[in-house]
Amino acid sequence: MHTPKQNLFLAALPEEVYERLKSCLELVSLPEGWAVYEDGGEIDRIYFPTTSIISLLATTEDGMAEKIAIIGNEGLFGIAMLMGRKAAPNQAIVQKSGYSYRLKAANLRREFELGSPLRYLLQRYTQSLTARIAQTAMRPMHSATGTRMSVTSPSSSHIDTLVTQALRPSKWIESTPSGASLRPPQRAA
């Protein structure tokens, strides 16, 4: 049986936020090789994989598609629309068939604009994903002979650890009623 909480991002949400989103989530089957988003295509839904794995691909200047991130049940994809984008900045391809929950972008945007704990978790997740993409971009793309090398992704367990740490609920989120006026804790100088 599939439940939204098989996705670690959804499972990390405070119960109140999860309950608001739960009725808007739709379970979908994603076949291997299917392009969920094409580069420049409209972003109208956010996907939260449970058993599927999605590869994000960027097109290089020479037209080659390079894998920049792998997203499984630890995360989500399609969040570029929260940063003002209406078109996908890259391609999202199903690498391993399975299931995902999807949510209309408008529902996520509404929750994000409410300033709920979801906003903070999305910011932490985006920061973690950006770091993973930067690590991938820094890997050598050419061997010493100039032939293209494949980009190897960090191990699945390494990715899960990074993202799970980014999503770990903070005590200040759990103790804040209704997500009112959330601010990250300040560190001592």
Protein backbone atom coordinates (compact mmCIF):
# COMPACT_ATOMS: atom_id res chain seq x y z
CA MET A 1 0.00 0.00 0.00
CA HIS A 2 1.30 3.44 -0.89
CA THR A 3 1.16 6.38 1.48
CA PRO A 4 2.46 9.91 0.99
CA LYS A 5 4.73 9.51 4.03
CA GLN A 6 6.86 7.03 2.05
CA ASN A 7 8.35 10.25 0.70
CA LEU A 8 10.78 11.58 3.32
CA PHE A 9 10.03 15.22 2.52
CA LEU A 10 6.30 14.73 3.12
CA ALA A 11 7.05 12.64 6.21
CA ALA A 12 9.16 15.50 7.63
CA LEU A 13 6.27 17.97 7.48
CA PRO A 14 4.53 18.92 10.71
CA GLU A 15 1.26 16.96 10.95
CA GLU A 16 -0.91 20.07 10.54
CA VAL A 17 0.76 20.97 7.21
CA TYR A 18 0.78 17.36 6.04
CA GLU A 19 -2.98 17.08 6.68
CA ARG A 20 -3.67 20.25 4.65
CA LEU A 21 -1.71 18.90 1.67
CA LYS A 22 -2.74 15.25 1.92
CA SER A 23 -6.14 15.70 0.27
CA CYS A 24 -4.51 17.50 -2.66
CA LEU A 25 -1.95 14.75 -3.37
CA GLU A 26 -2.54 12.37 -6.27
CA LEU A 27 -0.78 8.99 -6.56
CA VAL A 28 0.61 8.40 -10.07
CA SER A 29 2.61 5.63 -11.72
CA LEU A 30 5.76 6.81 -13.50
CA PRO A 31 7.06 4.51 -16.28
CA GLU A 32 10.82 4.23 -16.85
CA GLY A 33 12.07 6.64 -19.52
CA TRP A 34 9.08 8.99 -19.30
CA ALA A 35 9.92 12.69 -19.46
CA VAL A 36 8.08 14.23 -16.53
CA TYR A 37 9.33 17.67 -17.57
CA GLU A 38 11.07 18.76 -20.73
CA ASP A 39 13.63 21.56 -20.62
CA GLY A 40 11.54 24.72 -21.01
CA GLY A 41 8.24 22.88 -20.48
CA GLU A 42 5.53 24.19 -18.19
CA ILE A 43 5.80 23.35 -14.49
CA ASP A 44 2.27 22.68 -13.32
CA ARG A 45 2.83 19.95 -10.73
CA ILE A 46 5.33 19.09 -8.03
CA TYR A 47 6.31 15.42 -7.69
CA PHE A 48 7.17 13.57 -4.47
CA PRO A 49 8.61 10.16 -5.49
CA THR A 50 7.94 7.18 -3.24
CA THR A 51 9.27 4.19 -5.21
CA SER A 52 10.36 5.87 -8.46
CA ILE A 53 13.71 7.54 -9.14
CA ILE A 54 13.99 10.67 -11.28
CA SER A 55 17.09 12.03 -13.00
CA LEU A 56 17.43 15.74 -13.62
CA LEU A 57 19.34 16.42 -16.83
CA ALA A 58 20.88 19.63 -18.10
CA THR A 59 21.81 20.20 -21.72
CA THR A 60 25.38 21.35 -22.35
CA GLU A 61 26.40 23.85 -25.01
CA ASP A 62 27.38 20.98 -27.30
CA GLY A 63 23.90 19.43 -26.95
CA MET A 64 24.86 16.60 -24.59
CA ALA A 65 22.51 15.75 -21.73
CA GLU A 66 24.31 15.54 -18.40
CA LYS A 67 22.80 14.09 -15.24
CA ILE A 68 22.91 16.76 -12.56
CA ALA A 69 20.85 15.15 -9.81
CA ILE A 70 18.97 12.01 -8.85
CA ILE A 71 15.80 12.34 -6.80
CA GLY A 72 14.13 9.45 -5.03
CA ASN A 73 11.87 9.14 -2.03
CA GLU A 74 14.04 11.61 -0.10
CA GLY A 75 12.84 14.62 -2.06
CA LEU A 76 10.74 16.34 -4.65
CA PHE A 77 11.11 18.05 -7.98
CA GLY A 78 9.41 20.87 -9.83
CA ILE A 79 10.11 23.50 -7.18
CA ALA A 80 11.61 25.96 -9.67
CA MET A 81 8.14 27.49 -9.93
CA LEU A 82 8.47 28.74 -6.35
CA MET A 83 11.38 30.84 -7.54
CA GLY A 84 9.31 32.54 -10.21
CA ARG A 85 9.90 30.11 -13.07
CA LYS A 86 6.99 28.98 -15.20
CA ALA A 87 9.17 26.75 -17.36
CA ALA A 88 11.35 23.84 -16.26
CA PRO A 89 15.05 24.81 -16.12
CA ASN A 90 16.05 21.26 -17.04
CA GLN A 91 14.67 17.89 -18.06
CA ALA A 92 13.30 15.36 -15.56
CA ILE A 93 13.33 11.72 -16.73
CA VAL A 94 12.09 8.66 -14.85
CA GLN A 95 15.21 6.54 -14.27
CA LYS A 96 13.42 3.79 -12.31
CA SER A 97 9.71 3.20 -12.72
CA GLY A 98 7.56 3.37 -9.65
CA TYR A 99 5.12 5.64 -7.89
CA SER A 100 5.07 9.27 -6.95
CA TYR A 101 2.59 11.64 -5.41
CA ARG A 102 1.99 14.85 -7.26
CA LEU A 103 0.56 18.15 -6.18
CA LYS A 104 -0.71 21.03 -8.28
CA ALA A 105 1.84 23.83 -8.22
CA ALA A 106 -0.83 26.30 -7.06
CA ASN A 107 -1.45 24.24 -3.89
CA LEU A 108 2.24 24.21 -2.98
CA ARG A 109 2.60 27.90 -3.82
CA ARG A 110 -0.35 28.76 -1.53
CA GLU A 111 1.19 26.84 1.37
CA PHE A 112 4.60 28.38 0.67
CA GLU A 113 3.16 31.90 0.70
CA LEU A 114 1.42 31.25 4.03
CA GLY A 115 4.88 31.13 5.56
CA SER A 116 4.22 27.70 7.02
CA PRO A 117 6.98 25.32 8.15
CA LEU A 118 6.80 23.92 4.61
CA ARG A 119 8.57 27.05 3.41
CA TYR A 120 11.54 26.45 5.68
CA LEU A 121 11.77 22.76 4.72
CA LEU A 122 11.63 23.68 1.02
CA GLN A 123 14.44 26.18 1.53
CA ARG A 124 16.57 23.57 3.32
CA TYR A 125 15.84 20.96 0.67
CA THR A 126 16.63 23.40 -2.15
CA GLN A 127 19.93 24.28 -0.47
CA SER A 128 20.82 20.58 -0.18
CA LEU A 129 19.84 19.89 -3.79
CA THR A 130 21.83 22.89 -5.00
CA ALA A 131 24.89 21.60 -3.13
CA ARG A 132 24.48 18.17 -4.75
CA ILE A 133 24.20 19.74 -8.21
CA ALA A 134 27.29 21.87 -7.55
CA GLN A 135 29.23 18.77 -6.51
CA THR A 136 28.20 17.07 -9.74
CA ALA A 137 29.18 20.11 -11.81
CA MET A 138 32.63 20.17 -10.22
CA ARG A 139 33.41 16.60 -11.26
CA PRO A 140 35.73 16.37 -14.24
CA MET A 141 33.71 16.15 -17.44
CA HIS A 142 36.62 15.16 -19.66
CA SER A 143 39.46 12.73 -19.17
CA ALA A 144 43.06 13.68 -19.80
CA THR A 145 42.65 12.57 -23.43
CA GLY A 146 39.70 14.88 -23.97
CA THR A 147 37.07 12.17 -24.33
CA ARG A 148 33.83 12.64 -22.50
CA MET A 149 33.47 10.75 -19.25
CA SER A 150 30.17 9.81 -17.73
CA VAL A 151 29.15 11.70 -14.65
CA THR A 152 28.90 9.35 -11.74
CA SER A 153 26.43 10.29 -9.09
CA PRO A 154 27.12 10.07 -5.40
CA SER A 155 25.97 6.82 -3.87
CA SER A 156 22.30 6.54 -3.03
CA SER A 157 23.07 6.21 0.68
CA HIS A 158 25.21 9.38 0.58
CA ILE A 159 22.39 11.32 -1.08
CA ASP A 160 19.85 9.98 1.41
CA THR A 161 22.11 11.04 4.29
CA LEU A 162 22.60 14.58 2.93
CA VAL A 163 18.95 15.16 2.23
CA THR A 164 17.69 13.48 5.38
CA GLN A 165 19.96 15.77 7.41
CA ALA A 166 18.59 18.77 5.53
CA LEU A 167 15.02 17.68 6.25
CA ARG A 168 15.51 16.78 9.90
CA PRO A 169 12.73 18.67 11.69
CA SER A 170 14.06 21.29 14.04
CA LYS A 171 12.60 21.69 17.51
CA TRP A 172 11.74 25.30 16.72
CA ILE A 173 9.49 24.18 13.83
CA GLU A 174 7.69 21.62 15.95
CA SER A 175 7.06 24.10 18.74
CA THR A 176 5.83 26.95 16.55
CA PRO A 177 2.01 27.08 16.48
CA SER A 178 0.48 27.24 13.01
CA GLY A 179 3.81 28.12 11.44
CA ALA A 180 3.48 31.72 12.57
CA SER A 181 6.49 33.96 12.04
CA LEU A 182 9.07 31.22 11.55
CA ARG A 183 12.71 32.17 11.81
CA PRO A 184 15.70 29.85 11.92
CA PRO A 185 17.47 29.72 15.27
CA GLN A 186 20.35 32.18 15.58
CA ARG A 187 23.83 30.84 16.18
CA ALA A 188 26.07 32.38 18.79
CA ALA A 189 29.02 34.29 17.39
